[in-house]
Amino acid sequence: MNKQILAFFISCLGSVLMVQVAYGNSIVLHIHGKQIADSASNRNEVVKIINTVIKASSTFDVNAVTDLYTPNAVVADEEPPFSWNGPTAGVQWISTVEKTCKDYKMKNFNAKIRDISVYLQTDESIYVVVPVDYTGEIKGDRFDEEGAFTFIFRLVNGHWLIKSQVWVARKGM
């Protein structure tokens, strides 16, 4: 009986194993033995969305993010109330960032995206870790916070939308 359970477990493990193989700038995923290509157009669309979100977070442009989130999206950040849900999660989050900056009288608030080194894709989902540096000035003192956003994208009606977006400051790691 134990050998049968072990054999079953190994066969199940083999069927869900995902292996990422890099070929230059292209990534090819193998899931359940099926090859899934990571197209440059998908990456370009996702990176464009990420750039829009990060820029909007430092310019407080809620209109830029209105159609970028899934109906059941979740955004999490270190600012209360710490999470926002639904298709307007991004708008709610940016409004909170803007309020926080005003409360602290922050000036010259700016975001800079660093090199993305984690990008994983299946047919319907994309996982991306995006290092970001936020800088600014509070009462003459320099503000600097490094961290990363983890984005999960879902393919919805032929378009990549943000399913989840989580900020983790370097000090929290």
Protein backbone atom coordinates (compact mmCIF):
# COMPACT_ATOMS: atom_id res chain seq x y z
CA MET A 1 0.00 0.00 0.00
CA ASN A 2 2.76 2.48 0.86
CA LYS A 3 4.50 1.89 -2.49
CA GLN A 4 1.22 2.64 -4.30
CA ILE A 5 0.76 5.90 -2.40
CA LEU A 6 4.36 6.91 -3.09
CA ALA A 7 4.01 6.06 -6.80
CA PHE A 8 0.77 8.07 -6.98
CA PHE A 9 2.40 11.03 -5.22
CA ILE A 10 5.39 10.99 -7.58
CA SER A 11 3.16 10.85 -10.66
CA CYS A 12 1.07 13.76 -9.35
CA LEU A 13 4.18 15.76 -8.56
CA GLY A 14 5.50 15.17 -12.05
CA SER A 15 2.24 16.33 -13.61
CA VAL A 16 2.27 19.68 -11.81
CA LEU A 17 5.96 20.39 -12.11
CA MET A 18 6.68 23.67 -13.87
CA VAL A 19 10.12 24.22 -15.31
CA GLN A 20 11.30 27.57 -16.61
CA VAL A 21 13.89 27.51 -19.35
CA ALA A 22 15.39 30.76 -20.64
CA TYR A 23 16.34 31.22 -24.29
CA GLY A 24 17.87 34.68 -24.66
CA ASN A 25 15.13 37.25 -24.06
CA SER A 26 12.38 34.69 -24.42
CA ILE A 27 11.07 32.46 -21.68
CA VAL A 28 9.42 29.15 -22.42
CA LEU A 29 7.40 27.44 -19.71
CA HIS A 30 6.57 23.75 -19.62
CA ILE A 31 3.42 22.87 -17.69
CA HIS A 32 2.01 19.36 -17.74
CA GLY A 33 4.36 18.67 -20.64
CA LYS A 34 2.80 21.50 -22.70
CA GLN A 35 5.04 24.31 -23.91
CA ILE A 36 3.68 27.80 -23.29
CA ALA A 37 5.54 30.63 -25.00
CA ASP A 38 6.08 33.95 -23.26
CA SER A 39 5.57 36.40 -26.09
CA ALA A 40 7.23 39.77 -26.26
CA SER A 41 3.82 41.36 -26.84
CA ASN A 42 2.53 39.96 -23.52
CA ARG A 43 5.62 41.21 -21.68
CA ASN A 44 5.35 44.63 -23.34
CA GLU A 45 1.68 44.95 -22.39
CA VAL A 46 2.34 43.96 -18.78
CA VAL A 47 5.39 46.21 -18.41
CA LYS A 48 3.39 49.12 -19.87
CA ILE A 49 0.70 48.54 -17.22
CA ILE A 50 3.31 48.33 -14.47
CA ASN A 51 4.94 51.59 -15.64
CA THR A 52 1.52 53.27 -15.70
CA VAL A 53 0.69 52.12 -12.16
CA ILE A 54 4.06 53.11 -10.67
CA LYS A 55 4.04 56.51 -12.40
CA ALA A 56 0.44 57.10 -11.30
CA SER A 57 1.42 56.31 -7.71
CA SER A 58 3.85 59.24 -7.63
CA THR A 59 1.75 61.66 -9.70
CA PHE A 60 -1.55 60.65 -8.04
CA ASP A 61 -3.18 60.09 -11.43
CA VAL A 62 -6.19 57.95 -10.51
CA ASN A 63 -7.56 58.19 -14.06
CA ALA A 64 -4.51 56.35 -15.42
CA VAL A 65 -5.38 53.17 -13.48
CA THR A 66 -9.18 53.05 -13.72
CA ASP A 67 -9.36 50.09 -16.13
CA LEU A 68 -6.26 48.12 -15.11
CA TYR A 69 -7.65 45.86 -12.35
CA THR A 70 -9.80 42.73 -12.37
CA PRO A 71 -13.28 42.83 -10.78
CA ASN A 72 -11.92 40.91 -7.76
CA ALA A 73 -8.52 42.65 -7.53
CA VAL A 74 -6.66 43.12 -4.25
CA VAL A 75 -4.05 45.81 -3.58
CA ALA A 76 -2.02 45.69 -0.35
CA ASP A 77 0.29 48.37 1.04
CA GLU A 78 1.67 49.57 4.36
CA GLU A 79 -0.74 52.53 4.53
CA PRO A 80 -4.04 52.06 6.40
CA PRO A 81 -6.45 50.48 5.70
CA PHE A 82 -3.69 48.24 4.20
CA SER A 83 -5.83 46.69 1.44
CA TRP A 84 -8.28 47.73 -1.23
CA ASN A 85 -10.54 45.44 -3.22
CA GLY A 86 -12.41 45.30 -6.49
CA PRO A 87 -12.02 46.95 -9.88
CA THR A 88 -11.31 50.33 -8.21
CA ALA A 89 -8.62 48.94 -5.87
CA GLY A 90 -5.90 50.84 -7.74
CA VAL A 91 -7.83 54.11 -7.64
CA GLN A 92 -8.47 53.68 -3.90
CA TRP A 93 -4.81 52.88 -3.26
CA ILE A 94 -3.49 55.90 -5.21
CA SER A 95 -5.96 58.16 -3.39
CA THR A 96 -4.57 56.84 -0.09
CA VAL A 97 -0.96 57.40 -1.22
CA GLU A 98 -1.86 60.97 -2.21
CA LYS A 99 -3.54 61.62 1.16
CA THR A 100 -0.53 60.22 3.02
CA CYS A 101 1.86 62.43 1.05
CA LYS A 102 -0.31 65.48 1.77
CA ASP A 103 -0.54 64.56 5.47
CA TYR A 104 3.28 64.37 5.66
CA LYS A 105 3.64 67.47 3.45
CA MET A 106 5.84 65.45 1.10
CA LYS A 107 7.44 67.28 -1.81
CA ASN A 108 9.04 65.95 -4.98
CA PHE A 109 7.56 62.47 -4.48
CA ASN A 110 8.97 60.24 -7.20
CA ALA A 111 9.08 56.56 -8.10
CA LYS A 112 11.84 54.79 -10.01
CA ILE A 113 11.47 51.26 -11.28
CA ARG A 114 14.61 49.15 -11.11
CA ASP A 115 15.35 46.10 -13.27
CA ILE A 116 12.69 43.41 -13.23
CA SER A 117 14.33 40.04 -12.68
CA VAL A 118 11.31 37.86 -11.82
CA TYR A 119 8.75 37.28 -14.58
CA LEU A 120 6.80 34.01 -14.78
CA GLN A 121 3.92 33.29 -17.15
CA THR A 122 1.32 30.66 -17.91
CA ASP A 123 -1.51 30.84 -20.45
CA GLU A 124 -3.74 32.84 -18.10
CA SER A 125 -1.49 34.31 -15.38
CA ILE A 126 1.67 36.36 -15.04
CA TYR A 127 3.73 36.82 -11.86
CA VAL A 128 6.13 39.78 -11.75
CA VAL A 129 8.30 41.21 -8.97
CA VAL A 130 9.15 44.87 -9.55
CA PRO A 131 11.80 46.61 -7.41
CA VAL A 132 10.92 50.29 -6.90
CA ASP A 133 12.59 53.21 -5.14
CA TYR A 134 10.36 56.00 -3.83
CA THR A 135 12.04 59.30 -2.97
CA GLY A 136 10.88 62.70 -1.83
CA GLU A 137 11.34 65.37 0.78
CA ILE A 138 9.56 65.79 4.12
CA LYS A 139 10.22 69.08 5.96
CA GLY A 140 13.60 69.44 4.29
CA ASP A 141 14.68 65.87 5.02
CA ARG A 142 15.20 63.29 2.31
CA PHE A 143 12.63 60.50 2.13
CA ASP A 144 13.81 57.25 0.56
CA GLU A 145 12.01 53.93 0.61
CA GLU A 146 13.14 50.90 -1.37
CA GLY A 147 10.96 47.89 -1.85
CA ALA A 148 9.16 45.79 -4.40
CA PHE A 149 5.71 45.27 -5.81
CA THR A 150 4.57 41.76 -6.57
CA PHE A 151 1.97 41.81 -9.34
CA ILE A 152 -0.26 38.96 -10.43
CA PHE A 153 -1.91 39.51 -13.81
CA ARG A 154 -4.85 37.56 -15.21
CA LEU A 155 -5.94 37.35 -18.81
CA VAL A 156 -9.50 38.73 -18.90
CA ASN A 157 -11.31 38.97 -22.23
CA GLY A 158 -8.01 39.06 -24.10
CA HIS A 159 -6.41 41.75 -21.89
CA TRP A 160 -3.94 41.46 -19.04
CA LEU A 161 -5.35 42.98 -15.84
CA ILE A 162 -3.95 43.22 -12.32
CA LYS A 163 -5.41 40.55 -10.02
CA SER A 164 -3.19 41.45 -7.08
CA GLN A 165 -0.58 44.05 -6.27
CA VAL A 166 1.40 43.86 -3.02
CA TRP A 167 4.03 46.34 -1.79
CA VAL A 168 6.79 45.19 0.56
CA ALA A 169 9.28 47.77 1.77
CA ARG A 170 12.89 46.60 2.08
CA LYS A 171 12.70 47.33 5.81
CA GLY A 172 9.94 44.70 5.99
CA MET A 173 12.08 41.96 4.46
